[in-house]
Protein backbone atom coordinates (compact mmCIF):
# COMPACT_ATOMS: atom_id res chain seq x y z
CA MET A 1 -51.52 -9.74 -17.45
CA LEU A 2 -53.70 -11.85 -15.13
CA VAL A 3 -57.15 -10.59 -14.38
CA SER A 4 -59.30 -12.29 -11.66
CA GLY A 5 -62.42 -11.34 -9.92
CA ALA A 6 -66.11 -11.95 -9.76
CA THR A 7 -68.31 -12.30 -12.83
CA GLY A 8 -69.45 -8.99 -14.31
CA ILE A 9 -66.79 -6.65 -12.90
CA GLY A 10 -65.12 -5.90 -16.27
CA LYS A 11 -62.36 -8.37 -16.60
CA THR A 12 -63.12 -9.11 -20.30
CA LEU A 13 -63.15 -5.44 -21.07
CA MET A 14 -59.80 -4.98 -19.41
CA VAL A 15 -58.07 -7.88 -21.17
CA THR A 16 -59.60 -6.76 -24.44
CA GLU A 17 -58.25 -3.24 -24.07
CA PHE A 18 -54.82 -4.82 -23.23
CA MET A 19 -55.01 -6.97 -26.37
CA LYS A 20 -56.05 -4.00 -28.45
CA SER A 21 -52.91 -1.99 -27.36
CA GLY A 22 -50.66 -5.00 -28.28
CA ILE A 23 -52.35 -5.46 -31.63
CA GLU A 24 -51.95 -1.69 -32.37
CA ALA A 25 -48.19 -2.07 -31.66
CA SER A 26 -48.09 -5.22 -33.92
CA GLU A 27 -47.33 -7.45 -31.00
CA ARG A 28 -48.08 -11.15 -31.25
CA SER A 29 -50.78 -11.55 -28.40
CA LEU A 30 -52.37 -14.60 -26.68
CA LEU A 31 -55.71 -14.17 -24.91
CA VAL A 32 -56.76 -16.98 -22.62
CA SER A 33 -60.16 -17.11 -21.20
CA PHE A 34 -61.61 -19.35 -18.47
CA GLU A 35 -65.15 -17.87 -18.62
CA GLU A 36 -66.17 -16.91 -22.06
CA ASP A 37 -66.04 -18.88 -25.28
CA HIS A 38 -64.36 -17.70 -28.50
CA GLU A 39 -67.42 -16.23 -30.21
CA GLN A 40 -68.53 -14.43 -27.08
CA LEU A 41 -65.18 -12.78 -26.82
CA LEU A 42 -65.21 -11.64 -30.43
CA CYS A 43 -68.76 -10.41 -30.03
CA ASN A 44 -68.07 -8.58 -26.80
CA ALA A 45 -64.92 -6.89 -28.35
CA ALA A 46 -66.89 -5.91 -31.47
CA SER A 47 -69.49 -4.21 -29.20
CA TRP A 48 -66.81 -2.09 -27.64
CA GLY A 49 -65.38 -1.22 -31.27
CA ILE A 50 -62.55 -3.65 -31.09
CA ASP A 51 -62.06 -6.00 -34.05
CA LEU A 52 -60.22 -8.89 -32.60
CA LYS A 53 -61.34 -11.12 -35.55
CA ALA A 54 -59.26 -9.06 -37.98
CA ALA A 55 -56.30 -9.35 -35.60
CA LYS A 56 -56.66 -13.10 -35.69
CA GLU A 57 -56.72 -13.09 -39.40
CA ARG A 58 -53.59 -11.09 -39.47
CA GLY A 59 -51.87 -13.55 -37.19
CA LEU A 60 -51.33 -11.14 -34.34
CA LEU A 61 -53.87 -12.81 -31.93
CA LYS A 62 -54.60 -16.21 -30.78
CA ILE A 63 -57.48 -16.98 -28.45
CA LEU A 64 -57.51 -20.02 -26.20
CA CYS A 65 -60.64 -20.82 -24.29
CA ASP A 66 -60.42 -23.45 -21.49
CA TYR A 67 -63.31 -24.37 -19.32
CA ARG A 68 -61.97 -27.38 -17.82
CA GLU A 69 -61.45 -27.40 -14.01
CA ARG A 70 -57.95 -28.15 -13.11
CA PRO A 71 -56.44 -28.52 -9.61
CA GLY A 72 -54.40 -25.30 -9.82
CA MET A 73 -52.76 -22.55 -11.83
CA GLU A 74 -49.78 -24.71 -12.63
CA ASP A 75 -52.03 -27.24 -14.44
CA HIS A 76 -53.58 -24.39 -16.50
CA LEU A 77 -50.05 -23.13 -17.43
CA ILE A 78 -49.07 -26.66 -18.53
CA HIS A 79 -52.16 -26.67 -20.81
CA MET A 80 -51.39 -23.28 -22.20
CA ARG A 81 -47.81 -24.04 -23.05
CA PRO A 82 -48.38 -25.43 -26.52
CA ALA A 83 -50.16 -22.19 -27.56
CA MET A 84 -47.48 -20.11 -26.04
CA LEU A 85 -44.80 -22.08 -28.00
CA ASP A 86 -46.81 -21.77 -31.16
CA VAL A 87 -47.43 -18.06 -30.90
CA ARG A 88 -44.42 -16.90 -29.04
CA PRO A 89 -46.50 -14.01 -27.75
CA GLU A 90 -45.15 -10.69 -26.71
CA ARG A 91 -48.33 -10.04 -24.83
CA VAL A 92 -50.51 -12.48 -22.82
CA ALA A 93 -53.76 -11.80 -21.03
CA ILE A 94 -55.44 -14.37 -18.79
CA ASN A 95 -59.10 -13.78 -18.04
CA SER A 96 -59.53 -16.10 -15.06
CA ASN A 97 -62.45 -17.15 -13.08
CA PRO A 98 -63.22 -17.24 -9.32
CA VAL A 99 -62.73 -20.95 -9.10
CA MET A 100 -59.24 -20.64 -10.57
CA LYS A 101 -58.36 -18.06 -7.97
CA GLN A 102 -59.62 -20.10 -5.09
CA SER A 103 -57.45 -23.08 -6.09
CA THR A 104 -54.19 -21.13 -6.30
CA THR A 105 -52.28 -19.72 -3.41
CA PRO A 106 -50.54 -16.30 -3.93
CA PRO A 107 -46.96 -17.59 -3.76
CA ALA A 108 -47.80 -20.49 -6.20
CA LEU A 109 -49.45 -18.04 -8.57
CA SER A 110 -46.40 -15.77 -8.38
CA VAL A 111 -44.03 -18.44 -9.06
CA SER A 112 -46.19 -19.94 -11.93
CA LEU A 113 -46.43 -16.61 -13.77
CA ARG A 114 -42.63 -16.31 -13.82
CA TRP A 115 -42.52 -19.81 -15.55
CA LYS A 116 -40.24 -19.76 -18.64
CA LEU A 117 -40.92 -21.51 -21.90
C-alpha cells in the first residue's frame, strides 16, 4: 500500500490500521515512513490503541524510516530492498511525503511498485 498526500490528512493512521490488520493475521509486515521517525510512529499507534512495539518484538513488523531526499521512487525502492529481503513481508505500507510524489511520474510509480525481489 502506498499512501501519499499532504501532511496531516491521516496517512499515518491509514498505514497503521493496514499494519494492524496484517499483524492480527500473523503476516510479516514492513512499514516504511518518509515523514515520521520510529518513535513517533510507535507513539502515534499507541495513542490509537495499536501496539506496534509488541508486533516488532514478536518479529511480525519491521519499521524503516528514511528521510533522505532521493531523485525518485526507484531510488527509494533500491534503498528499501535490503529490508524487504530480510523480512520477506507479506504486507508493505509506504507512508510517503509530498516531495516524493512530486519527484515520481505516475507511470514510473506504477512500474516501480511492480518491482520483484
